[in-house]
Amino acid sequence: MALRDLALTVLELEPFEFHWVLMEAVQADSEECLVYRPVDSSTKGLPDYSEALIQGASALRVLQGLAPFGKPMAAMGIGGDSAQAPMTRPAGPHDSRMAGEADSCMLTTDHSLL
């Protein structure tokens, strides 16, 4: 999978109505500006900024081909073996991730100002 220069933001469109927006970088006319175009956004406002941010991050994982937060990596069909847990790496002594949470990837930009 090719890495894309993506950004996530949360907008308060109405008082206490927060929406997440995923954006992808596009070519700018100036090297001093970062320009993004919307790729996806929430269709329903959320009453809390943090919840919108979490749901946006989950949507970002789906866009990367990863499972959304709190969901297994592989879909389980009818009659599937639910006793078998998904494969995860063992947690180390300094691992702050929750048990069963998959590795994720940090998205960065090549822009010199950042």
C-alpha atoms as a PDB file:
ATOM      1  CA  MET A   1       0.000   0.000   0.000  1.00  0.00           C
ATOM      2  CA  ALA A   2       1.397   3.400  -0.963  1.00  0.00           C
ATOM      3  CA  LEU A   3       1.598   6.033   1.771  1.00  0.00           C
ATOM      4  CA  ARG A   4      -0.532   9.109   1.233  1.00  0.00           C
ATOM      5  CA  ASP A   5      -0.051  12.547   2.781  1.00  0.00           C
ATOM      6  CA  LEU A   6      -3.260  12.691   4.841  1.00  0.00           C
ATOM      7  CA  ALA A   7      -4.559  14.967   7.573  1.00  0.00           C
ATOM      8  CA  LEU A   8      -7.412  14.670  10.062  1.00  0.00           C
ATOM      9  CA  THR A   9      -9.220  17.654  11.525  1.00  0.00           C
ATOM     10  CA  VAL A  10     -12.365  18.274  13.546  1.00  0.00           C
ATOM     11  CA  LEU A  11     -14.672  21.196  12.776  1.00  0.00           C
ATOM     12  CA  GLU A  12     -17.463  22.602  14.943  1.00  0.00           C
ATOM     13  CA  LEU A  13     -20.007  23.506  12.242  1.00  0.00           C
ATOM     14  CA  GLU A  14     -22.746  24.414  14.723  1.00  0.00           C
ATOM     15  CA  PRO A  15     -22.459  24.835  18.504  1.00  0.00           C
ATOM     16  CA  PHE A  16     -21.711  21.381  19.980  1.00  0.00           C
ATOM     17  CA  GLU A  17     -21.880  19.709  16.539  1.00  0.00           C
ATOM     18  CA  PHE A  18     -18.419  18.373  15.725  1.00  0.00           C
ATOM     19  CA  HIS A  19     -17.505  16.737  12.386  1.00  0.00           C
ATOM     20  CA  TRP A  20     -14.279  14.938  11.452  1.00  0.00           C
ATOM     21  CA  VAL A  21     -12.751  15.578   8.029  1.00  0.00           C
ATOM     22  CA  LEU A  22     -10.030  13.498   6.330  1.00  0.00           C
ATOM     23  CA  MET A  23      -7.959  15.432   3.799  1.00  0.00           C
ATOM     24  CA  GLU A  24      -5.232  14.594   1.289  1.00  0.00           C
ATOM     25  CA  ALA A  25      -2.397  16.928   0.315  1.00  0.00           C
ATOM     26  CA  VAL A  26      -2.462  18.409  -3.177  1.00  0.00           C
ATOM     27  CA  GLN A  27       0.104  20.418  -5.102  1.00  0.00           C
ATOM     28  CA  ALA A  28       0.274  23.992  -3.774  1.00  0.00           C
ATOM     29  CA  ASP A  29       1.088  27.121  -5.764  1.00  0.00           C
ATOM     30  CA  SER A  30       3.582  28.101  -3.082  1.00  0.00           C
ATOM     31  CA  GLU A  31       6.075  26.085  -1.035  1.00  0.00           C
ATOM     32  CA  GLU A  32       5.040  28.124   2.011  1.00  0.00           C
ATOM     33  CA  CYS A  33       1.539  26.633   2.130  1.00  0.00           C
ATOM     34  CA  LEU A  34       0.158  23.171   2.685  1.00  0.00           C
ATOM     35  CA  VAL A  35      -2.984  22.581   0.619  1.00  0.00           C
ATOM     36  CA  TYR A  36      -5.399  19.729   1.299  1.00  0.00           C
ATOM     37  CA  ARG A  37      -8.607  18.537  -0.365  1.00  0.00           C
ATOM     38  CA  PRO A  38     -11.360  16.738   1.557  1.00  0.00           C
ATOM     39  CA  VAL A  39     -11.387  12.951   1.044  1.00  0.00           C
ATOM     40  CA  ASP A  40     -14.046  11.866   3.550  1.00  0.00           C
ATOM     41  CA  SER A  41     -16.038  13.357   6.408  1.00  0.00           C
ATOM     42  CA  SER A  42     -18.632  12.475   8.994  1.00  0.00           C
ATOM     43  CA  THR A  43     -22.245  12.739   7.888  1.00  0.00           C
ATOM     44  CA  LYS A  44     -23.594  13.221  11.394  1.00  0.00           C
ATOM     45  CA  GLY A  45     -22.383  15.750  13.937  1.00  0.00           C
ATOM     46  CA  LEU A  46     -21.114  14.579  17.308  1.00  0.00           C
ATOM     47  CA  PRO A  47     -21.611  16.481  20.590  1.00  0.00           C
ATOM     48  CA  ASP A  48     -17.980  16.038  21.678  1.00  0.00           C
ATOM     49  CA  TYR A  49     -14.727  17.109  19.970  1.00  0.00           C
ATOM     50  CA  SER A  50     -12.820  14.100  21.313  1.00  0.00           C
ATOM     51  CA  GLU A  51     -15.400  11.598  20.060  1.00  0.00           C
ATOM     52  CA  ALA A  52     -15.272  13.187  16.586  1.00  0.00           C
ATOM     53  CA  LEU A  53     -11.471  12.945  16.634  1.00  0.00           C
ATOM     54  CA  ILE A  54     -11.583   9.265  17.647  1.00  0.00           C
ATOM     55  CA  GLN A  55     -14.150   8.419  14.971  1.00  0.00           C
ATOM     56  CA  GLY A  56     -12.083  10.311  12.385  1.00  0.00           C
ATOM     57  CA  ALA A  57      -8.960   8.362  13.375  1.00  0.00           C
ATOM     58  CA  SER A  58     -10.940   5.143  13.007  1.00  0.00           C
ATOM     59  CA  ALA A  59     -12.064   6.239   9.517  1.00  0.00           C
ATOM     60  CA  LEU A  60      -8.413   6.987   8.699  1.00  0.00           C
ATOM     61  CA  ARG A  61      -7.489   3.415   9.646  1.00  0.00           C
ATOM     62  CA  VAL A  62     -10.178   2.090   7.297  1.00  0.00           C
ATOM     63  CA  LEU A  63      -8.842   4.331   4.512  1.00  0.00           C
ATOM     64  CA  GLN A  64      -5.397   2.772   5.103  1.00  0.00           C
ATOM     65  CA  GLY A  65      -6.871  -0.714   4.765  1.00  0.00           C
ATOM     66  CA  LEU A  66      -6.714  -1.393   8.515  1.00  0.00           C
ATOM     67  CA  ALA A  67      -9.519  -2.401  10.841  1.00  0.00           C
ATOM     68  CA  PRO A  68     -11.343   0.435  12.613  1.00  0.00           C
ATOM     69  CA  PHE A  69     -10.634   0.825  16.322  1.00  0.00           C
ATOM     70  CA  GLY A  70     -12.233  -1.917  18.397  1.00  0.00           C
ATOM     71  CA  LYS A  71     -12.900  -4.232  15.445  1.00  0.00           C
ATOM     72  CA  PRO A  72     -11.086  -7.462  14.499  1.00  0.00           C
ATOM     73  CA  MET A  73      -8.794  -7.387  11.458  1.00  0.00           C
ATOM     74  CA  ALA A  74     -10.677 -10.188   9.662  1.00  0.00           C
ATOM     75  CA  ALA A  75     -14.436 -10.399   9.348  1.00  0.00           C
ATOM     76  CA  MET A  76     -15.900 -13.499  10.982  1.00  0.00           C
ATOM     77  CA  GLY A  77     -18.525 -15.364   8.960  1.00  0.00           C
ATOM     78  CA  ILE A  78     -21.402 -17.462  10.250  1.00  0.00           C
ATOM     79  CA  GLY A  79     -20.021 -20.628  11.809  1.00  0.00           C
ATOM     80  CA  GLY A  80     -16.555 -19.075  12.134  1.00  0.00           C
ATOM     81  CA  ASP A  81     -14.263 -20.110  14.965  1.00  0.00           C
ATOM     82  CA  SER A  82     -14.826 -17.308  17.464  1.00  0.00           C
ATOM     83  CA  ALA A  83     -12.636 -19.070  20.045  1.00  0.00           C
ATOM     84  CA  GLN A  84      -9.484 -18.212  18.092  1.00  0.00           C
ATOM     85  CA  ALA A  85      -8.251 -14.727  18.996  1.00  0.00           C
ATOM     86  CA  PRO A  86      -6.657 -12.515  16.325  1.00  0.00           C
ATOM     87  CA  MET A  87      -2.854 -12.660  16.126  1.00  0.00           C
ATOM     88  CA  THR A  88      -1.136  -9.868  18.053  1.00  0.00           C
ATOM     89  CA  ARG A  89       2.403  -9.279  19.190  1.00  0.00           C
ATOM     90  CA  PRO A  90       3.054  -9.771  22.905  1.00  0.00           C
ATOM     91  CA  ALA A  91       3.020  -6.580  24.946  1.00  0.00           C
ATOM     92  CA  GLY A  92       6.396  -5.480  26.230  1.00  0.00           C
ATOM     93  CA  PRO A  93       7.039  -3.808  29.581  1.00  0.00           C
ATOM     94  CA  HIS A  94       6.930  -0.326  27.984  1.00  0.00           C
ATOM     95  CA  ASP A  95       4.057  -0.991  25.600  1.00  0.00           C
ATOM     96  CA  SER A  96       1.215   1.441  26.364  1.00  0.00           C
ATOM     97  CA  ARG A  97      -1.140   0.021  23.729  1.00  0.00           C
ATOM     98  CA  MET A  98      -4.240  -1.878  24.739  1.00  0.00           C
ATOM     99  CA  ALA A  99      -4.132  -5.675  24.374  1.00  0.00           C
ATOM    100  CA  GLY A 100      -5.180  -6.772  20.886  1.00  0.00           C
ATOM    101  CA  GLU A 101      -4.642  -3.353  19.299  1.00  0.00           C
ATOM    102  CA  ALA A 102      -2.865  -3.558  15.937  1.00  0.00           C
ATOM    103  CA  ASP A 103       0.214  -1.565  14.926  1.00  0.00           C
ATOM    104  CA  SER A 104      -0.528   1.696  13.186  1.00  0.00           C
ATOM    105  CA  CYS A 105       1.421   4.016  10.995  1.00  0.00           C
ATOM    106  CA  MET A 106       2.223   7.701  11.472  1.00  0.00           C
ATOM    107  CA  LEU A 107       1.463   9.883   8.475  1.00  0.00           C
ATOM    108  CA  THR A 108       3.875  12.736   7.828  1.00  0.00           C
ATOM    109  CA  THR A 109       4.584  15.275   5.151  1.00  0.00           C
ATOM    110  CA  ASP A 110       7.830  15.986   3.306  1.00  0.00           C
ATOM    111  CA  HIS A 111       7.215  19.710   3.657  1.00  0.00           C
ATOM    112  CA  SER A 112      10.310  21.501   4.965  1.00  0.00           C
ATOM    113  CA  LEU A 113       8.392  23.780   7.360  1.00  0.00           C
ATOM    114  CA  LEU A 114       7.077  20.925   9.470  1.00  0.00           C
END
